[in-house]
Protein backbone atom coordinates (compact mmCIF):
# COMPACT_ATOMS: atom_id res chain seq x y z
CA MET A 1 -25.56 0.93 9.77
CA LEU A 2 -21.85 0.20 10.11
CA VAL A 3 -19.34 3.03 9.54
CA ALA A 4 -15.62 2.48 9.01
CA ASP A 5 -12.96 5.03 9.95
CA LEU A 6 -10.23 4.79 7.31
CA LEU A 7 -6.71 6.16 7.17
CA PHE A 8 -5.02 6.86 3.85
CA ASP A 9 -1.41 7.60 2.96
CA LEU A 10 -2.27 11.30 2.83
CA PRO A 11 -1.19 14.26 4.96
CA LEU A 12 -4.32 14.11 7.16
CA ARG A 13 -4.30 14.02 10.95
CA HIS A 14 -7.70 12.34 11.26
CA PRO A 15 -9.47 9.31 9.75
CA LEU A 16 -12.19 9.63 7.12
CA SER A 17 -15.57 7.95 7.67
CA TYR A 18 -17.14 5.64 5.07
CA ALA A 19 -20.29 3.52 4.99
CA VAL A 20 -19.73 -0.22 4.96
CA PRO A 21 -21.97 -1.93 2.37
CA GLU A 22 -24.12 -4.86 3.44
CA GLY A 23 -22.32 -8.17 3.02
CA LEU A 24 -18.80 -6.71 3.26
CA ALA A 25 -17.01 -8.05 6.33
CA LEU A 26 -14.32 -5.68 7.60
CA ALA A 27 -12.03 -5.64 10.62
CA PRO A 28 -9.59 -3.06 12.01
CA GLY A 29 -6.21 -3.39 10.30
CA GLN A 30 -7.65 -4.51 6.96
CA ARG A 31 -6.77 -2.85 3.64
CA VAL A 32 -9.69 -1.55 1.55
CA THR A 33 -10.31 0.65 -1.47
CA ALA A 34 -12.48 3.72 -1.12
CA PRO A 35 -13.03 6.92 -3.12
CA VAL A 36 -11.07 10.00 -2.05
CA GLN A 37 -11.72 13.14 -4.11
CA GLY A 38 -13.23 11.07 -6.92
CA ARG A 39 -10.36 8.59 -7.13
CA ALA A 40 -10.13 5.08 -5.69
CA ARG A 41 -7.35 4.86 -3.09
CA VAL A 42 -6.08 2.16 -0.79
CA GLY A 43 -6.91 2.80 2.85
CA LEU A 44 -6.60 1.04 6.17
CA VAL A 45 -9.52 0.35 8.48
CA LEU A 46 -8.78 2.01 11.81
CA ALA A 47 -12.09 1.35 13.57
CA LEU A 48 -15.67 0.23 12.98
CA ARG A 49 -18.70 1.72 14.69
CA ASP A 50 -22.47 1.79 14.47
CA ALA A 51 -23.65 5.21 13.29
CA ASP A 52 -25.85 6.93 10.75
CA ALA A 53 -24.19 6.41 7.37
CA SER A 54 -26.46 8.68 5.34
CA GLY A 55 -24.45 11.02 3.16
CA LEU A 56 -21.24 8.99 3.46
CA ALA A 57 -19.44 7.41 0.52
CA ALA A 58 -19.23 3.62 0.61
CA VAL A 59 -16.14 1.45 0.87
CA ALA A 60 -15.56 -0.06 -2.59
CA SER A 61 -13.95 -3.39 -1.66
CA ALA A 62 -11.64 -5.21 0.71
CA LEU A 63 -8.20 -6.00 -0.69
CA GLU A 64 -7.43 -8.91 1.63
CA PRO A 65 -9.79 -11.30 3.36
CA ALA A 66 -8.11 -10.74 6.75
CA PRO A 67 -6.44 -7.81 8.53
CA VAL A 68 -2.79 -7.19 7.64
CA LEU A 69 -2.06 -5.27 10.85
CA SER A 70 -2.89 -6.51 14.34
CA PRO A 71 -4.44 -4.19 16.95
CA VAL A 72 -1.02 -3.94 18.62
CA MET A 73 0.55 -2.79 15.33
CA LEU A 74 -2.24 -0.22 14.87
CA GLU A 75 -1.53 1.21 18.32
CA LEU A 76 2.21 1.21 17.60
CA GLY A 77 1.62 3.14 14.38
CA ARG A 78 -0.64 5.67 16.09
CA TRP A 79 1.93 6.14 18.86
CA ALA A 80 4.78 6.57 16.34
CA ALA A 81 2.73 9.12 14.38
CA ALA A 82 2.01 11.12 17.54
CA GLU A 83 5.66 11.02 18.66
CA SER A 84 7.05 12.00 15.25
CA LEU A 85 4.31 14.55 14.48
CA SER A 86 3.54 12.80 11.20
CA ALA A 87 0.26 11.77 9.59
CA PRO A 88 -1.09 8.51 11.04
CA GLY A 89 -1.98 7.16 7.59
CA SER A 90 1.57 7.64 6.31
CA THR A 91 3.07 6.07 9.41
CA LEU A 92 0.79 3.03 9.23
CA ALA A 93 1.48 2.68 5.50
CA ALA A 94 5.15 2.17 6.38
CA LEU A 95 4.17 -0.81 8.56
CA LEU A 96 2.22 -2.52 5.80
CA PRO A 97 3.66 -5.41 3.82
CA PRO A 98 4.34 -4.64 0.15
CA PRO A 99 1.48 -5.00 -2.32
CA ARG A 100 1.08 -8.29 -4.15
CA ALA A 101 2.60 -6.92 -7.37
CA ALA A 102 5.89 -6.13 -5.60
CA ARG A 103 5.96 -9.57 -3.97
CA ARG A 104 5.39 -11.22 -7.37
CA TRP A 105 8.22 -9.14 -8.89
CA ARG A 106 10.68 -10.19 -6.21
CA ALA A 107 9.67 -13.85 -6.56
CA TRP A 108 10.03 -13.68 -10.33
CA ARG A 109 13.43 -12.06 -10.01
CA ARG A 110 14.63 -14.73 -7.54
CA ARG A 111 13.61 -17.47 -9.98
CA ARG A 112 15.20 -15.76 -13.00
CA CYS A 113 18.48 -14.50 -11.56
CA PRO A 114 21.16 -16.99 -10.58
CA PRO A 115 22.51 -16.67 -7.03
CA GLY A 116 25.35 -14.15 -6.84
CA ALA A 117 24.45 -12.41 -10.10
CA ALA A 118 25.22 -8.72 -10.21
CA PRO A 119 22.05 -6.69 -9.79
CA CYS A 120 21.22 -4.39 -12.63
CA HIS A 121 21.04 -0.78 -11.64
CA PRO A 122 20.67 2.43 -13.63
CA SER A 123 24.00 3.72 -12.30
CA SER A 124 25.90 0.88 -13.95
CA GLY A 125 25.66 2.74 -17.29
CA PRO A 126 25.10 1.45 -20.78
CA THR A 127 27.79 -0.51 -22.58
CA SER A 128 26.45 0.20 -26.04
CA GLY A 129 23.31 1.31 -27.79
CA GLU A 130 20.91 3.99 -26.65
CA THR A 131 21.86 6.35 -23.83
CA ARG A 132 18.61 8.33 -23.49
CA GLY A 133 17.70 6.60 -20.27
CA TRP A 134 18.29 3.39 -18.43
CA ARG A 135 14.98 1.89 -19.60
CA SER A 136 15.98 2.26 -23.25
CA TRP A 137 19.28 0.38 -22.91
CA PRO A 138 19.57 -3.00 -24.61
CA ARG A 139 18.58 -5.36 -21.83
CA ALA A 140 20.45 -8.38 -23.16
CA ARG A 141 23.82 -6.58 -22.87
CA THR A 142 23.43 -4.52 -19.72
CA ALA A 143 20.89 -6.28 -17.52
CA PRO A 144 21.28 -10.06 -17.49
CA CYS A 145 18.96 -10.41 -14.49
CA TRP A 146 16.36 -7.87 -15.38
C-alpha cells in the first residue's frame, strides 16, 4: 500500500507517515488534510513510498488537484530549513501560496475599493462611536474600503 510522508506547520524535524486511501492520487508538493492529534490539519506531501500502512492514519483529502510546490521548491525549502535550523514544515509553509479564502478576500477588496483609496487600518483610530476595539467601530465612517 502507498504511504505518504507529510510535513505540517508544526515544530517537528521529521515528516509524519500516513496511509493513502485507494483512489486518492497524490504527488510530492501537494497540499492535503490529515489528522494530527485528533484534529484535521493541512499538510504538504513530501514523498510517497510503498510500505506497510497497517496502523497508520489515513490522509483525509487532497486540497488541490495538482502539486503547489515543484520538486525544486521542495528541495529549496528543505535546504533553507537545514541552514536556518528551523522546522521543515514551517519553512515550506512560507513558500506556499495563500489559501483560497485569502485570495478571494484580496480580489473582493480590489473590486470594492477604488484605486488610491486609503486603506483602513486599526491604527487609524475611530472618529466617533464605539472605541472598545477596531472591529466595533462604525464601518461606514471609518473604513470606506472595508
